[in-house]
Amino acid sequence: MTQQRKAVALISGGLDSMLATQVILQQGIHVEGINFYTGFCVEGHTHAIRNKDQDKVKRNNALWAAEQLGIKLHIVDVIDEYKNVLINPKHGYGANLNPCLDCKVFMVNKAKQWITENDFDFIITGEVVGQRPMSQRKQTMPLVAKQSGADDLLLRPLCAKLLPPTLPEREGWVNRDALFDFHGRTRKPQFELAAQFGFTDYAQPAGGCCFLTNESYSKKLVDLWQTRGHKDYELDDIMLLKVGRHIRPKANYKLIVARDEGESRFMEGYKKVFVTLHSRSHQGPLTLVDGTPNMEDLQQAAQIVARFGQGRDAEMVDINLAQPDGTEQILHVKPLLASEIAAAWYI
């Protein structure tokens, strides 16, 4: 009897990885998915926090995609290992802080380790030649295969006909004629194939779910690194960069001001870590104070916080100042005018 071959597919939750996996499933290959959690791809989580996002889908797209495909998904925590990829990218960054090429090499390398440990035969990705300017160019695709150590065990079903045959194709495990030659940034071929497979609901492409492709997020991360004097970070750091208004009046401290009740509720979980400010006399947002502010700084911070609450036009506002140990005091402050809050303070 012919041995059934086994492949692992990198599942991002997007359409391309779903299509690539389905193409190989239809050839009788046993496929399981793998998703690497870096801490920077939590779109469903952020949608669950903000009031304005209540109508958006709240799901882990990788888990959801695996369910649609009927395959098992392995979620692997690589938060600590990924730090070196982000902090020291050999191939540099994209338009923002996205180390896309190094990221792809890293993830394919991790997948190569996984198939070796789990007795699988090859790796599938949903890459398409020319779709991404940094990591999916025809000249970089061999580089990913080589530097990751996957070599010709890496199969890209959606554009395989534009690339040299891989081991699974040469050995006849996979029928090359049933693969595709998709290329460029147009999504029309993918949408047509999705319709053939009956896929009607899938994550929309927008740089993927990685927050490192977002300009605003990247500026906040650069600010974090610059003010701390080093590029290390913890999971809580990168989670908090996704919520609130980030305002830095001085180099030694910044404010994270909740934008709605949902963010205020989420930030409540950090009250034992940060100094917090919120209005006692008027309704207003919870604010975290990050850094090493002195009492004069906290007075200024309280005036800023007062501006973002319903007491913005009051003569005086009572702001509750709470320390992480639970001690509290009330600051009586005059809210700053909008014109007094410098545009340069917003990160």
Protein backbone atom coordinates (compact mmCIF):
# COMPACT_ATOMS: atom_id res chain seq x y z
CA MET A 1 0.00 0.00 0.00
CA THR A 2 1.13 3.53 -0.74
CA GLN A 3 2.18 5.38 2.40
CA GLN A 4 -0.01 8.40 3.17
CA ARG A 5 2.22 11.44 3.38
CA LYS A 6 1.83 14.08 6.08
CA ALA A 7 2.27 17.84 5.80
CA VAL A 8 2.08 20.72 8.25
CA ALA A 9 0.57 23.98 7.01
CA LEU A 10 1.42 27.41 8.39
CA ILE A 11 -2.04 28.74 9.25
CA SER A 12 -2.31 32.48 9.71
CA GLY A 13 -6.09 32.58 9.56
CA GLY A 14 -6.11 34.34 6.22
CA LEU A 15 -7.52 33.11 2.92
CA ASP A 16 -4.22 32.13 1.27
CA SER A 17 -3.21 29.62 3.93
CA MET A 18 -6.73 28.16 3.86
CA LEU A 19 -6.58 27.72 0.08
CA ALA A 20 -3.07 26.23 0.09
CA THR A 21 -4.10 23.71 2.74
CA GLN A 22 -7.30 22.73 0.92
CA VAL A 23 -5.36 22.20 -2.32
CA ILE A 24 -3.13 19.67 -0.60
CA LEU A 25 -5.96 18.05 1.37
CA GLN A 26 -7.67 17.33 -1.95
CA GLN A 27 -4.64 15.30 -3.00
CA GLY A 28 -5.15 12.86 -0.13
CA ILE A 29 -2.34 14.25 2.04
CA HIS A 30 -2.84 14.25 5.81
CA VAL A 31 -2.48 17.90 6.83
CA GLU A 32 -2.28 19.51 10.26
CA GLY A 33 -1.93 23.23 10.89
CA ILE A 34 0.57 25.17 12.95
CA ASN A 35 0.27 28.76 14.16
CA PHE A 36 3.08 30.63 15.91
CA TYR A 37 1.97 33.08 18.59
CA THR A 38 4.34 36.06 18.71
CA GLY A 39 2.08 38.36 20.77
CA PHE A 40 1.61 40.80 17.88
CA CYS A 41 -1.38 39.13 16.23
CA VAL A 42 -4.40 39.48 18.53
CA GLU A 43 -6.91 41.24 16.30
CA GLY A 44 -9.91 39.38 17.73
CA HIS A 45 -8.78 40.30 21.25
CA THR A 46 -8.65 44.02 20.49
CA HIS A 47 -12.07 43.86 18.83
CA ALA A 48 -13.42 42.38 22.05
CA ILE A 49 -12.12 45.32 24.12
CA ARG A 50 -13.43 48.45 22.42
CA ASN A 51 -17.06 49.48 22.42
CA LYS A 52 -16.86 50.66 18.80
CA ASP A 53 -15.73 47.19 17.69
CA GLN A 54 -18.65 45.30 19.21
CA ASP A 55 -20.04 44.41 15.78
CA LYS A 56 -16.72 43.04 14.50
CA VAL A 57 -15.98 39.33 14.48
CA LYS A 58 -14.29 38.21 17.70
CA ARG A 59 -12.39 35.04 17.00
CA ASN A 60 -8.97 33.54 16.66
CA ASN A 61 -8.83 33.43 12.86
CA ALA A 62 -6.26 30.61 12.81
CA LEU A 63 -8.45 28.36 14.97
CA TRP A 64 -11.49 29.30 12.94
CA ALA A 65 -9.73 28.55 9.64
CA ALA A 66 -8.56 25.16 10.90
CA GLU A 67 -12.13 24.34 11.91
CA GLN A 68 -13.39 25.21 8.41
CA LEU A 69 -10.70 22.98 6.92
CA GLY A 70 -11.40 20.14 9.34
CA ILE A 71 -7.79 19.88 10.47
CA LYS A 72 -6.00 19.86 13.80
CA LEU A 73 -4.20 23.10 14.71
CA HIS A 74 -1.10 23.36 16.88
CA ILE A 75 -0.62 26.81 18.47
CA VAL A 76 3.01 27.32 19.49
CA ASP A 77 4.08 30.13 21.84
CA VAL A 78 7.21 31.77 20.42
CA ILE A 79 6.98 35.12 22.24
CA ASP A 80 10.46 34.94 23.79
CA GLU A 81 12.19 33.44 20.74
CA TYR A 82 10.58 36.02 18.47
CA LYS A 83 12.16 38.93 20.33
CA ASN A 84 15.48 38.48 18.54
CA VAL A 85 13.70 38.40 15.16
CA LEU A 86 12.06 41.73 15.87
CA ILE A 87 14.95 43.44 17.64
CA ASN A 88 17.76 42.29 15.32
CA PRO A 89 16.29 41.53 11.87
CA LYS A 90 19.03 40.40 9.51
CA HIS A 91 17.05 41.63 6.51
CA GLY A 92 15.68 44.80 8.08
CA TYR A 93 12.17 46.14 8.46
CA GLY A 94 9.37 46.82 6.01
CA ALA A 95 7.45 50.09 5.88
CA ASN A 96 7.09 50.04 9.69
CA LEU A 97 8.57 47.67 12.29
CA ASN A 98 7.59 44.55 10.39
CA PRO A 99 10.59 42.21 9.91
CA CYS A 100 8.63 40.22 7.34
CA LEU A 101 11.47 38.33 5.66
CA ASP A 102 13.17 37.38 8.93
CA CYS A 103 9.76 36.48 10.34
CA LYS A 104 9.04 34.09 7.48
CA VAL A 105 12.48 32.47 7.79
CA PHE A 106 11.94 32.07 11.53
CA MET A 107 8.50 30.50 11.20
CA VAL A 108 9.46 28.10 8.43
CA ASN A 109 12.48 27.09 10.50
CA LYS A 110 10.22 26.39 13.48
CA ALA A 111 7.95 24.36 11.19
CA LYS A 112 10.99 22.40 9.96
CA GLN A 113 11.87 21.56 13.56
CA TRP A 114 8.26 20.53 14.15
CA ILE A 115 8.04 18.10 11.22
CA THR A 116 11.34 16.51 12.27
CA GLU A 117 10.08 15.99 15.82
CA ASN A 118 6.65 14.75 14.73
CA ASP A 119 7.56 12.58 11.74
CA PHE A 120 5.84 14.69 9.09
CA ASP A 121 7.09 14.90 5.53
CA PHE A 122 6.89 18.50 4.31
CA ILE A 123 5.68 22.07 4.95
CA ILE A 124 2.94 24.10 3.24
CA THR A 125 2.58 27.89 3.16
CA GLY A 126 0.06 30.13 1.43
CA GLU A 127 2.69 32.39 -0.12
CA VAL A 128 2.11 33.91 -3.56
CA VAL A 129 4.91 35.27 -5.74
CA GLY A 130 4.85 39.06 -5.79
CA GLN A 131 2.08 39.50 -3.26
CA ARG A 132 4.18 41.04 -0.49
CA PRO A 133 6.98 43.47 -1.38
CA MET A 134 9.38 42.21 1.28
CA SER A 135 8.89 38.49 1.89
CA GLN A 136 7.09 37.16 -1.18
CA ARG A 137 9.27 38.23 -4.08
CA LYS A 138 10.48 35.55 -6.46
CA GLN A 139 14.11 36.24 -5.56
CA THR A 140 13.47 35.97 -1.79
CA MET A 141 11.49 32.73 -1.87
CA PRO A 142 14.60 30.53 -2.38
CA LEU A 143 16.27 32.54 0.39
CA VAL A 144 13.48 31.66 2.85
CA ALA A 145 13.74 27.98 1.94
CA LYS A 146 17.52 27.97 2.33
CA GLN A 147 17.94 30.09 5.46
CA SER A 148 15.12 28.31 7.27
CA GLY A 149 16.71 24.93 6.62
CA ALA A 150 13.52 23.65 4.99
CA ASP A 151 15.06 23.67 1.50
CA ASP A 152 12.85 21.70 -0.92
CA LEU A 153 10.57 20.41 1.83
CA LEU A 154 8.82 23.79 1.59
CA LEU A 155 5.87 23.72 -0.82
CA ARG A 156 3.86 26.78 -1.86
CA PRO A 157 0.80 25.30 -3.60
CA LEU A 158 -0.65 28.61 -4.81
CA CYS A 159 2.42 29.58 -6.84
CA ALA A 160 4.33 26.28 -7.14
CA LYS A 161 4.24 26.27 -10.95
CA LEU A 162 6.33 29.45 -10.98
CA LEU A 163 9.01 27.86 -8.80
CA PRO A 164 11.33 24.85 -9.18
CA PRO A 165 9.72 21.51 -8.26
CA THR A 166 10.07 20.62 -4.60
CA LEU A 167 10.78 17.16 -3.14
CA PRO A 168 7.06 16.37 -2.62
CA GLU A 169 6.44 17.12 -6.30
CA ARG A 170 9.49 15.23 -7.62
CA GLU A 171 8.67 12.19 -5.50
CA GLY A 172 5.07 12.15 -6.66
CA TRP A 173 3.58 12.73 -3.21
CA VAL A 174 1.89 15.81 -4.70
CA ASN A 175 0.63 16.24 -8.27
CA ARG A 176 2.32 19.41 -9.56
CA ASP A 177 -0.29 19.72 -12.33
CA ALA A 178 -2.96 20.29 -9.66
CA LEU A 179 -1.04 23.21 -8.15
CA PHE A 180 -1.24 26.86 -9.23
CA ASP A 181 0.72 29.78 -10.69
CA PHE A 182 -0.82 32.71 -8.80
CA HIS A 183 1.30 35.85 -8.80
CA GLY A 184 1.11 39.56 -8.10
CA ARG A 185 -1.05 41.53 -5.72
CA THR A 186 -4.40 40.86 -7.35
CA ARG A 187 -6.69 38.72 -5.23
CA LYS A 188 -9.03 37.67 -8.04
CA PRO A 189 -7.57 34.13 -8.53
CA GLN A 190 -7.79 33.48 -4.79
CA PHE A 191 -11.40 34.64 -4.63
CA GLU A 192 -12.30 32.42 -7.58
CA LEU A 193 -10.61 29.40 -5.99
CA ALA A 194 -12.31 30.17 -2.67
CA ALA A 195 -15.67 30.09 -4.45
CA GLN A 196 -14.81 26.69 -5.97
CA PHE A 197 -13.98 25.36 -2.51
CA GLY A 198 -17.12 26.87 -1.01
CA PHE A 199 -15.24 29.31 1.26
CA THR A 200 -17.50 32.32 1.77
CA ASP A 201 -16.24 33.71 5.09
CA TYR A 202 -12.57 34.46 5.65
CA ALA A 203 -10.32 37.15 7.09
CA GLN A 204 -9.81 40.06 4.71
CA PRO A 205 -6.22 40.86 3.64
CA ALA A 206 -4.80 44.06 5.12
CA GLY A 207 -1.16 43.30 5.88
CA GLY A 208 -2.27 40.29 7.87
CA CYS A 209 -3.19 40.54 11.54
CA CYS A 210 0.32 41.59 12.63
CA PHE A 211 0.30 44.93 14.43
CA LEU A 212 3.93 45.52 13.44
CA THR A 213 2.70 46.51 9.96
CA ASN A 214 0.68 49.34 11.55
CA GLU A 215 2.36 52.77 11.51
CA SER A 216 0.70 54.03 14.69
CA TYR A 217 1.54 50.90 16.64
CA SER A 218 5.13 50.92 15.41
CA LYS A 219 5.59 54.53 16.60
CA LYS A 220 4.42 53.52 20.07
CA LEU A 221 6.86 50.61 20.15
CA VAL A 222 9.75 52.85 19.05
CA ASP A 223 8.80 55.31 21.79
CA LEU A 224 8.80 52.48 24.34
CA TRP A 225 12.27 51.37 23.29
CA GLN A 226 13.72 54.89 23.18
CA THR A 227 12.45 55.95 26.59
CA ARG A 228 13.53 52.72 28.28
CA GLY A 229 16.93 52.78 26.62
CA HIS A 230 16.72 49.19 25.39
CA LYS A 231 14.65 47.12 22.96
CA ASP A 232 13.44 44.38 25.26
CA TYR A 233 9.73 44.05 26.02
CA GLU A 234 7.23 41.89 27.87
CA LEU A 235 3.85 40.64 26.67
CA ASP A 236 2.02 43.21 28.80
CA ASP A 237 4.04 45.99 27.15
CA ILE A 238 2.99 45.06 23.65
CA MET A 239 -0.61 44.40 24.66
CA LEU A 240 -0.93 47.88 26.18
CA LEU A 241 0.41 49.50 23.02
CA LYS A 242 -2.83 48.39 21.35
CA VAL A 243 -5.19 50.22 23.69
CA GLY A 244 -5.85 53.84 24.67
CA ARG A 245 -4.44 57.22 23.71
CA HIS A 246 -0.71 57.29 24.41
CA ILE A 247 0.41 60.76 25.54
CA ARG A 248 3.98 61.60 26.59
CA PRO A 249 4.21 65.08 28.15
CA LYS A 250 7.79 64.42 29.33
CA ALA A 251 10.49 61.87 28.65
CA ASN A 252 10.17 60.31 32.10
CA TYR A 253 6.48 59.34 31.89
CA LYS A 254 3.54 58.77 29.60
CA LEU A 255 -0.21 58.36 30.00
CA ILE A 256 -2.38 55.64 28.53
CA VAL A 257 -5.88 57.15 28.49
CA ALA A 258 -8.77 54.77 27.82
CA ARG A 259 -10.91 55.79 24.84
CA ASP A 260 -14.12 54.12 25.99
CA GLU A 261 -15.63 51.97 28.74
CA GLY A 262 -14.35 48.78 27.15
CA GLU A 263 -10.75 49.96 27.34
CA SER A 264 -11.25 51.23 30.89
CA ARG A 265 -12.46 47.77 31.94
CA PHE A 266 -9.49 46.11 30.28
CA MET A 267 -7.02 48.53 31.90
CA GLU A 268 -8.50 47.84 35.35
CA GLY A 269 -6.44 44.66 35.27
CA TYR A 270 -3.25 46.74 35.47
CA LYS A 271 -4.12 48.78 38.58
CA LYS A 272 -1.69 46.76 40.70
CA VAL A 273 1.14 47.43 38.24
CA PHE A 274 0.77 51.12 37.34
CA VAL A 275 -0.16 54.36 39.04
CA THR A 276 -3.73 55.08 37.89
CA LEU A 277 -5.78 58.25 37.55
CA HIS A 278 -9.51 58.70 37.13
CA SER A 279 -12.02 61.45 37.82
CA ARG A 280 -14.02 61.27 41.04
CA SER A 281 -16.17 64.35 40.52
CA HIS A 282 -17.10 63.72 36.88
CA GLN A 283 -17.36 60.70 34.62
CA GLY A 284 -14.14 60.02 32.76
CA PRO A 285 -11.67 57.41 31.51
CA LEU A 286 -9.25 55.32 33.52
CA THR A 287 -5.64 56.31 32.84
CA LEU A 288 -2.43 54.38 33.45
CA VAL A 289 0.79 56.28 34.23
CA ASP A 290 3.88 54.54 32.87
CA GLY A 291 7.35 55.72 33.89
CA THR A 292 8.84 57.59 36.85
CA PRO A 293 6.77 60.75 37.35
CA ASN A 294 7.29 63.06 40.34
CA MET A 295 4.44 64.82 42.13
CA GLU A 296 4.59 67.82 39.80
CA ASP A 297 4.31 65.45 36.83
CA LEU A 298 1.30 63.75 38.40
CA GLN A 299 -0.42 67.12 38.85
CA GLN A 300 0.10 67.79 35.15
CA ALA A 301 -1.10 64.28 34.32
CA ALA A 302 -4.25 64.82 36.37
CA GLN A 303 -4.99 68.03 34.44
CA ILE A 304 -4.68 66.12 31.17
CA VAL A 305 -6.94 63.33 32.42
CA ALA A 306 -9.53 65.91 33.49
CA ARG A 307 -9.60 67.20 29.94
CA PHE A 308 -10.71 63.81 28.61
CA GLY A 309 -13.66 63.45 31.00
CA GLN A 310 -17.04 65.13 31.37
CA GLY A 311 -15.46 67.75 33.63
CA ARG A 312 -13.41 69.21 30.79
CA ASP A 313 -15.31 72.53 31.05
CA ALA A 314 -15.49 72.64 34.86
CA GLU A 315 -13.49 75.07 36.99
CA MET A 316 -11.97 72.23 39.03
CA VAL A 317 -12.04 68.44 38.82
CA ASP A 318 -11.25 65.89 41.53
CA ILE A 319 -8.89 63.23 40.19
CA ASN A 320 -8.28 60.05 42.15
CA LEU A 321 -4.60 59.08 42.22
CA ALA A 322 -4.06 55.43 43.15
CA GLN A 323 -0.73 53.70 43.72
CA PRO A 324 -0.19 50.03 42.84
CA ASP A 325 -0.21 49.20 46.58
CA GLY A 326 -3.74 50.55 46.86
CA THR A 327 -3.02 53.86 48.60
CA GLU A 328 -5.05 56.75 47.20
CA GLN A 329 -5.28 60.51 47.29
CA ILE A 330 -7.40 63.17 45.60
CA LEU A 331 -5.87 65.84 43.36
CA HIS A 332 -7.94 69.01 42.80
CA VAL A 333 -6.97 70.27 39.36
CA LYS A 334 -8.04 72.68 36.65
CA PRO A 335 -8.52 70.80 33.35
CA LEU A 336 -6.11 71.73 30.61
CA LEU A 337 -7.55 73.35 27.53
CA ALA A 338 -7.34 71.39 24.30
CA SER A 339 -4.87 74.01 23.04
CA GLU A 340 -2.63 73.40 26.06
CA ILE A 341 -2.18 69.72 25.25
CA ALA A 342 0.67 69.78 22.73
CA ALA A 343 0.14 67.80 19.55
CA ALA A 344 3.69 66.51 19.92
CA TRP A 345 2.70 64.73 23.11
CA TYR A 346 0.55 62.24 21.24
CA ILE A 347 2.48 59.17 20.29
